[in-house]
Amino acid sequence: MSRIFTTSFASVYPLYVAKVERKGRTKAELDEVIEWLTGFDRPALDEHIAAGTTFEDFFADARLNPHASAITGVVCGVRVEEIDDPLMQKIRYLDKLVDELAKGKAMEKVLRA
């Protein structure tokens, strides 16, 4: 099992925020991307952060967007659409969306609209 599965979402979320803000995007935009992927609105996100939810439990509780399979590309040298482990794929989907947001992609493209 990968170490990321037992890592708390709360420990990684500030890194996501810092990454997008460094590139001129906002925490609100990041939250919108997370909500699109997981179904978690701001209060639900705050609950997961306060509870120290692991990535495994975070995604077990999520309602994954039906269009998530449209997320393609490479994260950490691996094509997200070719990842066999369903949990790892969901984590990499999130990483890919954060990367696209940070790279300045238009929100409707990030959200596969």
PDB file of N, CA and C in Angstrom:
ATOM      1  N   MET A   1       0.848  -1.191   0.000  1.00  0.00           N
ATOM      2  CA  MET A   1       0.000   0.000   0.000  1.00  0.00           C
ATOM      3  C   MET A   1       0.889   1.248   0.000  1.00  0.00           C
ATOM      4  N   SER A   2       0.473   2.226  -0.753  1.00  0.00           N
ATOM      5  CA  SER A   2       1.242   3.458  -0.867  1.00  0.00           C
ATOM      6  C   SER A   2       1.092   4.321   0.383  1.00  0.00           C
ATOM      7  N   ARG A   3       2.164   5.019   0.728  1.00  0.00           N
ATOM      8  CA  ARG A   3       2.143   5.897   1.905  1.00  0.00           C
ATOM      9  C   ARG A   3       1.112   7.021   1.768  1.00  0.00           C
ATOM     10  N   ILE A   4       0.868   7.468   0.527  1.00  0.00           N
ATOM     11  CA  ILE A   4      -0.082   8.575   0.317  1.00  0.00           C
ATOM     12  C   ILE A   4      -1.484   8.188   0.791  1.00  0.00           C
ATOM     13  N   PHE A   5      -1.844   6.902   0.730  1.00  0.00           N
ATOM     14  CA  PHE A   5      -3.186   6.470   1.131  1.00  0.00           C
ATOM     15  C   PHE A   5      -3.469   6.817   2.588  1.00  0.00           C
ATOM     16  N   THR A   6      -2.440   6.722   3.437  1.00  0.00           N
ATOM     17  CA  THR A   6      -2.631   6.961   4.865  1.00  0.00           C
ATOM     18  C   THR A   6      -2.203   8.372   5.278  1.00  0.00           C
ATOM     19  N   THR A   7      -1.801   9.174   4.292  1.00  0.00           N
ATOM     20  CA  THR A   7      -1.464  10.575   4.554  1.00  0.00           C
ATOM     21  C   THR A   7      -2.766  11.349   4.720  1.00  0.00           C
ATOM     22  N   SER A   8      -2.794  12.302   5.643  1.00  0.00           N
ATOM     23  CA  SER A   8      -4.028  13.070   5.825  1.00  0.00           C
ATOM     24  C   SER A   8      -4.171  14.103   4.709  1.00  0.00           C
ATOM     25  N   PHE A   9      -5.413  14.248   4.253  1.00  0.00           N
ATOM     26  CA  PHE A   9      -5.709  15.270   3.242  1.00  0.00           C
ATOM     27  C   PHE A   9      -5.320  16.644   3.782  1.00  0.00           C
ATOM     28  N   ALA A  10      -5.530  16.852   5.082  1.00  0.00           N
ATOM     29  CA  ALA A  10      -5.220  18.149   5.714  1.00  0.00           C
ATOM     30  C   ALA A  10      -3.741  18.507   5.593  1.00  0.00           C
ATOM     31  N   SER A  11      -2.861  17.515   5.555  1.00  0.00           N
ATOM     32  CA  SER A  11      -1.432  17.806   5.464  1.00  0.00           C
ATOM     33  C   SER A  11      -1.016  18.198   4.042  1.00  0.00           C
ATOM     34  N   VAL A  12      -1.797  17.800   3.044  1.00  0.00           N
ATOM     35  CA  VAL A  12      -1.458  18.080   1.652  1.00  0.00           C
ATOM     36  C   VAL A  12      -2.203  19.312   1.126  1.00  0.00           C
ATOM     37  N   TYR A  13      -3.391  19.563   1.654  1.00  0.00           N
ATOM     38  CA  TYR A  13      -4.210  20.692   1.184  1.00  0.00           C
ATOM     39  C   TYR A  13      -3.457  22.028   1.197  1.00  0.00           C
ATOM     40  N   PRO A  14      -2.731  22.377   2.286  1.00  0.00           N
ATOM     41  CA  PRO A  14      -1.989  23.660   2.259  1.00  0.00           C
ATOM     42  C   PRO A  14      -0.928  23.712   1.150  1.00  0.00           C
ATOM     43  N   LEU A  15      -0.391  22.562   0.780  1.00  0.00           N
ATOM     44  CA  LEU A  15       0.586  22.505  -0.314  1.00  0.00           C
ATOM     45  C   LEU A  15      -0.103  22.801  -1.644  1.00  0.00           C
ATOM     46  N   TYR A  16      -1.311  22.265  -1.824  1.00  0.00           N
ATOM     47  CA  TYR A  16      -2.103  22.569  -3.023  1.00  0.00           C
ATOM     48  C   TYR A  16      -2.399  24.075  -3.082  1.00  0.00           C
ATOM     49  N   VAL A  17      -2.836  24.631  -1.940  1.00  0.00           N
ATOM     50  CA  VAL A  17      -3.156  26.067  -1.874  1.00  0.00           C
ATOM     51  C   VAL A  17      -1.930  26.894  -2.247  1.00  0.00           C
ATOM     52  N   ALA A  18      -0.785  26.571  -1.645  1.00  0.00           N
ATOM     53  CA  ALA A  18       0.446  27.315  -1.916  1.00  0.00           C
ATOM     54  C   ALA A  18       0.822  27.221  -3.393  1.00  0.00           C
ATOM     55  N   LYS A  19       0.679  26.037  -3.965  1.00  0.00           N
ATOM     56  CA  LYS A  19       1.042  25.832  -5.370  1.00  0.00           C
ATOM     57  C   LYS A  19       0.196  26.699  -6.298  1.00  0.00           C
ATOM     58  N   VAL A  20      -1.123  26.702  -6.099  1.00  0.00           N
ATOM     59  CA  VAL A  20      -1.981  27.482  -7.007  1.00  0.00           C
ATOM     60  C   VAL A  20      -1.835  28.980  -6.763  1.00  0.00           C
ATOM     61  N   GLU A  21      -1.673  29.379  -5.497  1.00  0.00           N
ATOM     62  CA  GLU A  21      -1.529  30.809  -5.192  1.00  0.00           C
ATOM     63  C   GLU A  21      -0.214  31.368  -5.731  1.00  0.00           C
ATOM     64  N   ARG A  22       0.850  30.549  -5.705  1.00  0.00           N
ATOM     65  CA  ARG A  22       2.138  30.954  -6.281  1.00  0.00           C
ATOM     66  C   ARG A  22       1.990  31.285  -7.763  1.00  0.00           C
ATOM     67  N   LYS A  23       1.035  30.618  -8.398  1.00  0.00           N
ATOM     68  CA  LYS A  23       0.829  30.797  -9.834  1.00  0.00           C
ATOM     69  C   LYS A  23      -0.319  31.764 -10.142  1.00  0.00           C
ATOM     70  N   GLY A  24      -0.764  32.499  -9.112  1.00  0.00           N
ATOM     71  CA  GLY A  24      -1.776  33.527  -9.338  1.00  0.00           C
ATOM     72  C   GLY A  24      -3.219  33.056  -9.328  1.00  0.00           C
ATOM     73  N   ARG A  25      -3.450  31.830  -8.891  1.00  0.00           N
ATOM     74  CA  ARG A  25      -4.826  31.344  -8.769  1.00  0.00           C
ATOM     75  C   ARG A  25      -5.240  31.462  -7.298  1.00  0.00           C
ATOM     76  N   THR A  26      -6.523  31.185  -7.023  1.00  0.00           N
ATOM     77  CA  THR A  26      -7.025  31.396  -5.661  1.00  0.00           C
ATOM     78  C   THR A  26      -7.413  30.084  -4.984  1.00  0.00           C
ATOM     79  N   LYS A  27      -7.475  30.165  -3.648  1.00  0.00           N
ATOM     80  CA  LYS A  27      -7.938  29.028  -2.852  1.00  0.00           C
ATOM     81  C   LYS A  27      -9.381  28.681  -3.243  1.00  0.00           C
ATOM     82  N   ALA A  28     -10.189  29.698  -3.550  1.00  0.00           N
ATOM     83  CA  ALA A  28     -11.580  29.462  -3.962  1.00  0.00           C
ATOM     84  C   ALA A  28     -11.626  28.644  -5.259  1.00  0.00           C
ATOM     85  N   GLU A  29     -10.716  28.946  -6.184  1.00  0.00           N
ATOM     86  CA  GLU A  29     -10.661  28.168  -7.430  1.00  0.00           C
ATOM     87  C   GLU A  29     -10.236  26.726  -7.145  1.00  0.00           C
ATOM     88  N   LEU A  30      -9.269  26.566  -6.253  1.00  0.00           N
ATOM     89  CA  LEU A  30      -8.838  25.222  -5.854  1.00  0.00           C
ATOM     90  C   LEU A  30     -10.010  24.456  -5.250  1.00  0.00           C
ATOM     91  N   ASP A  31     -10.740  25.095  -4.348  1.00  0.00           N
ATOM     92  CA  ASP A  31     -11.883  24.448  -3.707  1.00  0.00           C
ATOM     93  C   ASP A  31     -12.948  24.058  -4.734  1.00  0.00           C
ATOM     94  N   GLU A  32     -13.123  24.901  -5.745  1.00  0.00           N
ATOM     95  CA  GLU A  32     -14.089  24.602  -6.811  1.00  0.00           C
ATOM     96  C   GLU A  32     -13.667  23.334  -7.575  1.00  0.00           C
ATOM     97  N   VAL A  33     -12.368  23.211  -7.838  1.00  0.00           N
ATOM     98  CA  VAL A  33     -11.837  22.043  -8.526  1.00  0.00           C
ATOM     99  C   VAL A  33     -12.031  20.789  -7.660  1.00  0.00           C
ATOM    100  N   ILE A  34     -11.737  20.896  -6.374  1.00  0.00           N
ATOM    101  CA  ILE A  34     -11.904  19.758  -5.460  1.00  0.00           C
ATOM    102  C   ILE A  34     -13.376  19.366  -5.372  1.00  0.00           C
ATOM    103  N   GLU A  35     -14.256  20.365  -5.311  1.00  0.00           N
ATOM    104  CA  GLU A  35     -15.691  20.064  -5.248  1.00  0.00           C
ATOM    105  C   GLU A  35     -16.162  19.388  -6.531  1.00  0.00           C
ATOM    106  N   TRP A  36     -15.662  19.848  -7.671  1.00  0.00           N
ATOM    107  CA  TRP A  36     -16.034  19.224  -8.954  1.00  0.00           C
ATOM    108  C   TRP A  36     -15.659  17.740  -8.953  1.00  0.00           C
ATOM    109  N   LEU A  37     -14.465  17.433  -8.478  1.00  0.00           N
ATOM    110  CA  LEU A  37     -13.985  16.048  -8.500  1.00  0.00           C
ATOM    111  C   LEU A  37     -14.659  15.177  -7.445  1.00  0.00           C
ATOM    112  N   THR A  38     -14.818  15.701  -6.223  1.00  0.00           N
ATOM    113  CA  THR A  38     -15.227  14.865  -5.080  1.00  0.00           C
ATOM    114  C   THR A  38     -16.669  15.059  -4.613  1.00  0.00           C
ATOM    115  N   GLY A  39     -17.259  16.195  -4.974  1.00  0.00           N
ATOM    116  CA  GLY A  39     -18.591  16.517  -4.471  1.00  0.00           C
ATOM    117  C   GLY A  39     -18.559  17.224  -3.122  1.00  0.00           C
ATOM    118  N   PHE A  40     -17.366  17.424  -2.543  1.00  0.00           N
ATOM    119  CA  PHE A  40     -17.261  18.065  -1.230  1.00  0.00           C
ATOM    120  C   PHE A  40     -17.309  19.580  -1.376  1.00  0.00           C
ATOM    121  N   ASP A  41     -18.347  20.196  -0.764  1.00  0.00           N
ATOM    122  CA  ASP A  41     -18.396  21.661  -0.730  1.00  0.00           C
ATOM    123  C   ASP A  41     -17.469  22.157   0.386  1.00  0.00           C
ATOM    124  N   ARG A  42     -17.392  23.475   0.554  1.00  0.00           N
ATOM    125  CA  ARG A  42     -16.454  24.035   1.532  1.00  0.00           C
ATOM    126  C   ARG A  42     -16.666  23.493   2.949  1.00  0.00           C
ATOM    127  N   PRO A  43     -17.917  23.445   3.467  1.00  0.00           N
ATOM    128  CA  PRO A  43     -18.104  22.892   4.823  1.00  0.00           C
ATOM    129  C   PRO A  43     -17.639  21.428   4.935  1.00  0.00           C
ATOM    130  N   ALA A  44     -17.913  20.613   3.908  1.00  0.00           N
ATOM    131  CA  ALA A  44     -17.491  19.203   3.932  1.00  0.00           C
ATOM    132  C   ALA A  44     -15.973  19.113   3.883  1.00  0.00           C
ATOM    133  N   LEU A  45     -15.356  19.984   3.087  1.00  0.00           N
ATOM    134  CA  LEU A  45     -13.899  20.026   2.999  1.00  0.00           C
ATOM    135  C   LEU A  45     -13.298  20.396   4.350  1.00  0.00           C
ATOM    136  N   ASP A  46     -13.893  21.406   4.997  1.00  0.00           N
ATOM    137  CA  ASP A  46     -13.425  21.828   6.327  1.00  0.00           C
ATOM    138  C   ASP A  46     -13.529  20.686   7.342  1.00  0.00           C
ATOM    139  N   GLU A  47     -14.605  19.903   7.246  1.00  0.00           N
ATOM    140  CA  GLU A  47     -14.775  18.756   8.161  1.00  0.00           C
ATOM    141  C   GLU A  47     -13.651  17.741   7.963  1.00  0.00           C
ATOM    142  N   HIS A  48     -13.347  17.431   6.700  1.00  0.00           N
ATOM    143  CA  HIS A  48     -12.271  16.469   6.409  1.00  0.00           C
ATOM    144  C   HIS A  48     -10.917  16.989   6.885  1.00  0.00           C
ATOM    145  N   ILE A  49     -10.690  18.280   6.707  1.00  0.00           N
ATOM    146  CA  ILE A  49      -9.429  18.878   7.139  1.00  0.00           C
ATOM    147  C   ILE A  49      -9.330  18.832   8.664  1.00  0.00           C
ATOM    148  N   ALA A  50     -10.394  19.225   9.351  1.00  0.00           N
ATOM    149  CA  ALA A  50     -10.400  19.225  10.819  1.00  0.00           C
ATOM    150  C   ALA A  50     -10.249  17.806  11.385  1.00  0.00           C
ATOM    151  N   ALA A  51     -10.856  16.837  10.710  1.00  0.00           N
ATOM    152  CA  ALA A  51     -10.815  15.449  11.192  1.00  0.00           C
ATOM    153  C   ALA A  51      -9.493  14.751  10.870  1.00  0.00           C
ATOM    154  N   GLY A  52      -8.689  15.359  10.005  1.00  0.00           N
ATOM    155  CA  GLY A  52      -7.431  14.714   9.619  1.00  0.00           C
ATOM    156  C   GLY A  52      -7.651  13.462   8.783  1.00  0.00           C
ATOM    157  N   THR A  53      -8.712  13.474   7.984  1.00  0.00           N
ATOM    158  CA  THR A  53      -9.079  12.339   7.140  1.00  0.00           C
ATOM    159  C   THR A  53      -7.921  11.922   6.230  1.00  0.00           C
ATOM    160  N   THR A  54      -7.674  10.602   6.154  1.00  0.00           N
ATOM    161  CA  THR A  54      -6.642  10.104   5.233  1.00  0.00           C
ATOM    162  C   THR A  54      -7.171  10.206   3.798  1.00  0.00           C
ATOM    163  N   PHE A  55      -6.256  10.184   2.832  1.00  0.00           N
ATOM    164  CA  PHE A  55      -6.691  10.188   1.432  1.00  0.00           C
ATOM    165  C   PHE A  55      -7.601   8.998   1.142  1.00  0.00           C
ATOM    166  N   GLU A  56      -7.294   7.860   1.742  1.00  0.00           N
ATOM    167  CA  GLU A  56      -8.111   6.656   1.540  1.00  0.00           C
ATOM    168  C   GLU A  56      -9.555   6.916   1.967  1.00  0.00           C
ATOM    169  N   ASP A  57      -9.749   7.472   3.173  1.00  0.00           N
ATOM    170  CA  ASP A  57     -11.100   7.754   3.669  1.00  0.00           C
ATOM    171  C   ASP A  57     -11.738   8.944   2.944  1.00  0.00           C
ATOM    172  N   PHE A  58     -10.906   9.918   2.570  1.00  0.00           N
ATOM    173  CA  PHE A  58     -11.384  11.103   1.844  1.00  0.00           C
ATOM    174  C   PHE A  58     -12.067  10.665   0.539  1.00  0.00           C
ATOM    175  N   PHE A  59     -11.379   9.817  -0.224  1.00  0.00           N
ATOM    176  CA  PHE A  59     -11.957   9.380  -1.499  1.00  0.00           C
ATOM    177  C   PHE A  59     -13.028   8.313  -1.318  1.00  0.00           C
ATOM    178  N   ALA A  60     -12.983   7.552  -0.211  1.00  0.00           N
ATOM    179  CA  ALA A  60     -14.050   6.575   0.062  1.00  0.00           C
ATOM    180  C   ALA A  60     -15.369   7.308   0.310  1.00  0.00           C
ATOM    181  N   ASP A  61     -15.279   8.513   0.867  1.00  0.00           N
ATOM    182  CA  ASP A  61     -16.443   9.333   1.200  1.00  0.00           C
ATOM    183  C   ASP A  61     -16.908  10.197   0.023  1.00  0.00           C
ATOM    184  N   ALA A  62     -16.061  10.334  -1.001  1.00  0.00           N
ATOM    185  CA  ALA A  62     -16.343  11.237  -2.125  1.00  0.00           C
ATOM    186  C   ALA A  62     -17.373  10.651  -3.084  1.00  0.00           C
ATOM    187  N   ARG A  63     -18.069  11.558  -3.765  1.00  0.00           N
ATOM    188  CA  ARG A  63     -18.931  11.185  -4.894  1.00  0.00           C
ATOM    189  C   ARG A  63     -18.175  11.634  -6.152  1.00  0.00           C
ATOM    190  N   LEU A  64     -17.360  10.741  -6.693  1.00  0.00           N
ATOM    191  CA  LEU A  64     -16.489  11.109  -7.809  1.00  0.00           C
ATOM    192  C   LEU A  64     -17.315  11.588  -9.002  1.00  0.00           C
ATOM    193  N   ASN A  65     -16.885  12.700  -9.580  1.00  0.00           N
ATOM    194  CA  ASN A  65     -17.571  13.256 -10.739  1.00  0.00           C
ATOM    195  C   ASN A  65     -17.617  12.217 -11.867  1.00  0.00           C
ATOM    196  N   PRO A  66     -18.798  12.058 -12.493  1.00  0.00           N
ATOM    197  CA  PRO A  66     -18.902  11.074 -13.584  1.00  0.00           C
ATOM    198  C   PRO A  66     -17.982  11.387 -14.770  1.00  0.00           C
ATOM    199  N   HIS A  67     -17.531  12.625 -14.882  1.00  0.00           N
ATOM    200  CA  HIS A  67     -16.635  13.020 -15.972  1.00  0.00           C
ATOM    201  C   HIS A  67     -15.156  12.923 -15.587  1.00  0.00           C
ATOM    202  N   ALA A  68     -14.864  12.369 -14.408  1.00  0.00           N
ATOM    203  CA  ALA A  68     -13.471  12.278 -13.948  1.00  0.00           C
ATOM    204  C   ALA A  68     -12.605  11.472 -14.914  1.00  0.00           C
ATOM    205  N   SER A  69     -13.203  10.515 -15.606  1.00  0.00           N
ATOM    206  CA  SER A  69     -12.413   9.699 -16.542  1.00  0.00           C
ATOM    207  C   SER A  69     -11.915  10.521 -17.729  1.00  0.00           C
ATOM    208  N   ALA A  70     -12.431  11.741 -17.904  1.00  0.00           N
ATOM    209  CA  ALA A  70     -11.949  12.639 -18.959  1.00  0.00           C
ATOM    210  C   ALA A  70     -10.609  13.283 -18.576  1.00  0.00           C
ATOM    211  N   ILE A  71     -10.191  13.087 -17.325  1.00  0.00           N
ATOM    212  CA  ILE A  71      -8.903  13.623 -16.875  1.00  0.00           C
ATOM    213  C   ILE A  71      -7.813  12.695 -17.389  1.00  0.00           C
ATOM    214  N   THR A  72      -6.977  13.238 -18.275  1.00  0.00           N
ATOM    215  CA  THR A  72      -5.900  12.444 -18.845  1.00  0.00           C
ATOM    216  C   THR A  72      -4.609  13.244 -18.760  1.00  0.00           C
ATOM    217  N   GLY A  73      -3.512  12.567 -18.983  1.00  0.00           N
ATOM    218  CA  GLY A  73      -2.226  13.238 -18.964  1.00  0.00           C
ATOM    219  C   GLY A  73      -1.284  12.571 -17.978  1.00  0.00           C
ATOM    220  N   VAL A  74      -0.141  13.216 -17.786  1.00  0.00           N
ATOM    221  CA  VAL A  74       0.925  12.624 -16.994  1.00  0.00           C
ATOM    222  C   VAL A  74       1.117  13.372 -15.671  1.00  0.00           C
ATOM    223  N   VAL A  75       1.193  12.623 -14.582  1.00  0.00           N
ATOM    224  CA  VAL A  75       1.540  13.159 -13.267  1.00  0.00           C
ATOM    225  C   VAL A  75       2.654  12.266 -12.723  1.00  0.00           C
ATOM    226  N   CYS A  76       3.738  12.868 -12.324  1.00  0.00           N
ATOM    227  CA  CYS A  76       4.885  12.115 -11.789  1.00  0.00           C
ATOM    228  C   CYS A  76       5.346  11.032 -12.763  1.00  0.00           C
ATOM    229  N   GLY A  77       5.299  11.341 -14.054  1.00  0.00           N
ATOM    230  CA  GLY A  77       5.784  10.413 -15.069  1.00  0.00           C
ATOM    231  C   GLY A  77       4.861   9.260 -15.396  1.00  0.00           C
ATOM    232  N   VAL A  78       3.633   9.288 -14.859  1.00  0.00           N
ATOM    233  CA  VAL A  78       2.685   8.194 -15.087  1.00  0.00           C
ATOM    234  C   VAL A  78       1.406   8.760 -15.698  1.00  0.00           C
ATOM    235  N   ARG A  79       0.907   8.097 -16.737  1.00  0.00           N
ATOM    236  CA  ARG A  79      -0.364   8.523 -17.351  1.00  0.00           C
ATOM    237  C   ARG A  79      -1.508   8.186 -16.398  1.00  0.00           C
ATOM    238  N   VAL A  80      -2.289   9.192 -15.997  1.00  0.00           N
ATOM    239  CA  VAL A  80      -3.357   8.954 -15.003  1.00  0.00           C
ATOM    240  C   VAL A  80      -4.405   7.972 -15.497  1.00  0.00           C
ATOM    241  N   GLU A  81      -4.648   7.965 -16.805  1.00  0.00           N
ATOM    242  CA  GLU A  81      -5.679   7.058 -17.329  1.00  0.00           C
ATOM    243  C   GLU A  81      -5.228   5.599 -17.338  1.00  0.00           C
ATOM    244  N   GLU A  82      -3.930   5.346 -17.097  1.00  0.00           N
ATOM    245  CA  GLU A  82      -3.404   3.977 -17.106  1.00  0.00           C
ATOM    246  C   GLU A  82      -3.109   3.430 -15.701  1.00  0.00           C
ATOM    247  N   ILE A  83      -3.451   4.181 -14.656  1.00  0.00           N
ATOM    248  CA  ILE A  83      -3.185   3.728 -13.282  1.00  0.00           C
ATOM    249  C   ILE A  83      -4.210   2.656 -12.915  1.00  0.00           C
ATOM    250  N   ASP A  84      -3.700   1.508 -12.465  1.00  0.00           N
ATOM    251  CA  ASP A  84      -4.578   0.372 -12.161  1.00  0.00           C
ATOM    252  C   ASP A  84      -5.300   0.509 -10.828  1.00  0.00           C
ATOM    253  N   ASP A  85      -4.610   0.990  -9.808  1.00  0.00           N
ATOM    254  CA  ASP A  85      -5.211   1.096  -8.475  1.00  0.00           C
ATOM    255  C   ASP A  85      -6.236   2.242  -8.466  1.00  0.00           C
ATOM    256  N   PRO A  86      -7.513   1.932  -8.187  1.00  0.00           N
ATOM    257  CA  PRO A  86      -8.559   2.963  -8.248  1.00  0.00           C
ATOM    258  C   PRO A  86      -8.308   4.151  -7.305  1.00  0.00           C
ATOM    259  N   LEU A  87      -7.809   3.889  -6.095  1.00  0.00           N
ATOM    260  CA  LEU A  87      -7.549   4.980  -5.155  1.00  0.00           C
ATOM    261  C   LEU A  87      -6.396   5.853  -5.647  1.00  0.00           C
ATOM    262  N   MET A  88      -5.318   5.229  -6.082  1.00  0.00           N
ATOM    263  CA  MET A  88      -4.178   5.994  -6.598  1.00  0.00           C
ATOM    264  C   MET A  88      -4.614   6.831  -7.797  1.00  0.00           C
ATOM    265  N   GLN A  89      -5.471   6.272  -8.632  1.00  0.00           N
ATOM    266  CA  GLN A  89      -5.947   7.023  -9.802  1.00  0.00           C
ATOM    267  C   GLN A  89      -6.726   8.266  -9.363  1.00  0.00           C
ATOM    268  N   LYS A  90      -7.568   8.142  -8.357  1.00  0.00           N
ATOM    269  CA  LYS A  90      -8.333   9.295  -7.865  1.00  0.00           C
ATOM    270  C   LYS A  90      -7.406  10.363  -7.294  1.00  0.00           C
ATOM    271  N   ILE A  91      -6.386   9.939  -6.554  1.00  0.00           N
ATOM    272  CA  ILE A  91      -5.421  10.889  -5.991  1.00  0.00           C
ATOM    273  C   ILE A  91      -4.693  11.603  -7.127  1.00  0.00           C
ATOM    274  N   ARG A  92      -4.303  10.868  -8.155  1.00  0.00           N
ATOM    275  CA  ARG A  92      -3.602  11.462  -9.296  1.00  0.00           C
ATOM    276  C   ARG A  92      -4.533  12.354 -10.118  1.00  0.00           C
ATOM    277  N   TYR A  93      -5.819  12.021 -10.185  1.00  0.00           N
ATOM    278  CA  TYR A  93      -6.790  12.920 -10.827  1.00  0.00           C
ATOM    279  C   TYR A  93      -6.734  14.287 -10.134  1.00  0.00           C
ATOM    280  N   LEU A  94      -6.768  14.259  -8.802  1.00  0.00           N
ATOM    281  CA  LEU A  94      -6.718  15.501  -8.038  1.00  0.00           C
ATOM    282  C   LEU A  94      -5.414  16.244  -8.309  1.00  0.00           C
ATOM    283  N   ASP A  95      -4.294  15.524  -8.290  1.00  0.00           N
ATOM    284  CA  ASP A  95      -2.996  16.148  -8.578  1.00  0.00           C
ATOM    285  C   ASP A  95      -3.000  16.797  -9.960  1.00  0.00           C
ATOM    286  N   LYS A  96      -3.557  16.111 -10.934  1.00  0.00           N
ATOM    287  CA  LYS A  96      -3.584  16.617 -12.313  1.00  0.00           C
ATOM    288  C   LYS A  96      -4.417  17.889 -12.396  1.00  0.00           C
ATOM    289  N   LEU A  97      -5.575  17.913 -11.731  1.00  0.00           N
ATOM    290  CA  LEU A  97      -6.426  19.108 -11.744  1.00  0.00           C
ATOM    291  C   LEU A  97      -5.717  20.290 -11.087  1.00  0.00           C
ATOM    292  N   VAL A  98      -5.028  20.024  -9.971  1.00  0.00           N
ATOM    293  CA  VAL A  98      -4.273  21.079  -9.282  1.00  0.00           C
ATOM    294  C   VAL A  98      -3.166  21.599 -10.203  1.00  0.00           C
ATOM    295  N   ASP A  99      -2.471  20.694 -10.891  1.00  0.00           N
ATOM    296  CA  ASP A  99      -1.419  21.095 -11.838  1.00  0.00           C
ATOM    297  C   ASP A  99      -1.988  21.988 -12.938  1.00  0.00           C
ATOM    298  N   GLU A 100      -3.112  21.570 -13.505  1.00  0.00           N
ATOM    299  CA  GLU A 100      -3.714  22.348 -14.598  1.00  0.00           C
ATOM    300  C   GLU A 100      -4.145  23.725 -14.122  1.00  0.00           C
ATOM    301  N   LEU A 101      -4.714  23.787 -12.930  1.00  0.00           N
ATOM    302  CA  LEU A 101      -5.118  25.071 -12.356  1.00  0.00           C
ATOM    303  C   LEU A 101      -3.892  25.964 -12.178  1.00  0.00           C
ATOM    304  N   ALA A 102      -2.837  25.405 -11.614  1.00  0.00           N
ATOM    305  CA  ALA A 102      -1.607  26.158 -11.366  1.00  0.00           C
ATOM    306  C   ALA A 102      -0.949  26.609 -12.672  1.00  0.00           C
ATOM    307  N   LYS A 103      -1.132  25.839 -13.728  1.00  0.00           N
ATOM    308  CA  LYS A 103      -0.527  26.197 -15.015  1.00  0.00           C
ATOM    309  C   LYS A 103      -1.343  27.256 -15.756  1.00  0.00           C
ATOM    310  N   GLY A 104      -2.446  27.693 -15.151  1.00  0.00           N
ATOM    311  CA  GLY A 104      -3.222  28.780 -15.743  1.00  0.00           C
ATOM    312  C   GLY A 104      -4.273  28.361 -16.745  1.00  0.00           C
ATOM    313  N   LYS A 105      -4.588  27.071 -16.793  1.00  0.00           N
ATOM    314  CA  LYS A 105      -5.648  26.618 -17.694  1.00  0.00           C
ATOM    315  C   LYS A 105      -6.977  27.273 -17.319  1.00  0.00           C
ATOM    316  N   ALA A 106      -7.784  27.540 -18.317  1.00  0.00           N
ATOM    317  CA  ALA A 106      -9.108  28.109 -18.073  1.00  0.00           C
ATOM    318  C   ALA A 106      -9.926  27.136 -17.222  1.00  0.00           C
ATOM    319  N   MET A 107     -10.701  27.689 -16.280  1.00  0.00           N
ATOM    320  CA  MET A 107     -11.478  26.866 -15.349  1.00  0.00           C
ATOM    321  C   MET A 107     -12.381  25.877 -16.076  1.00  0.00           C
ATOM    322  N   GLU A 108     -13.037  26.304 -17.174  1.00  0.00           N
ATOM    323  CA  GLU A 108     -13.939  25.372 -17.861  1.00  0.00           C
ATOM    324  C   GLU A 108     -13.176  24.202 -18.488  1.00  0.00           C
ATOM    325  N   LYS A 109     -11.905  24.403 -18.825  1.00  0.00           N
ATOM    326  CA  LYS A 109     -11.088  23.295 -19.334  1.00  0.00           C
ATOM    327  C   LYS A 109     -10.668  22.370 -18.178  1.00  0.00           C
ATOM    328  N   VAL A 110     -10.291  22.968 -17.051  1.00  0.00           N
ATOM    329  CA  VAL A 110      -9.914  22.160 -15.882  1.00  0.00           C
ATOM    330  C   VAL A 110     -11.098  21.296 -15.449  1.00  0.00           C
ATOM    331  N   LEU A 111     -12.287  21.876 -15.472  1.00  0.00           N
ATOM    332  CA  LEU A 111     -13.486  21.177 -15.011  1.00  0.00           C
ATOM    333  C   LEU A 111     -14.157  20.351 -16.115  1.00  0.00           C
ATOM    334  N   ARG A 112     -13.437  20.188 -17.222  1.00  0.00           N
ATOM    335  CA  ARG A 112     -13.928  19.338 -18.324  1.00  0.00           C
ATOM    336  C   ARG A 112     -15.330  19.712 -18.758  1.00  0.00           C
ATOM    337  N   ALA A 113     -15.605  21.035 -18.818  1.00  0.00           N
ATOM    338  CA  ALA A 113     -16.965  21.496 -19.191  1.00  0.00           C
ATOM    339  C   ALA A 113     -17.177  21.412 -20.706  1.00  0.00           C
TER     340      ALA A 113
END
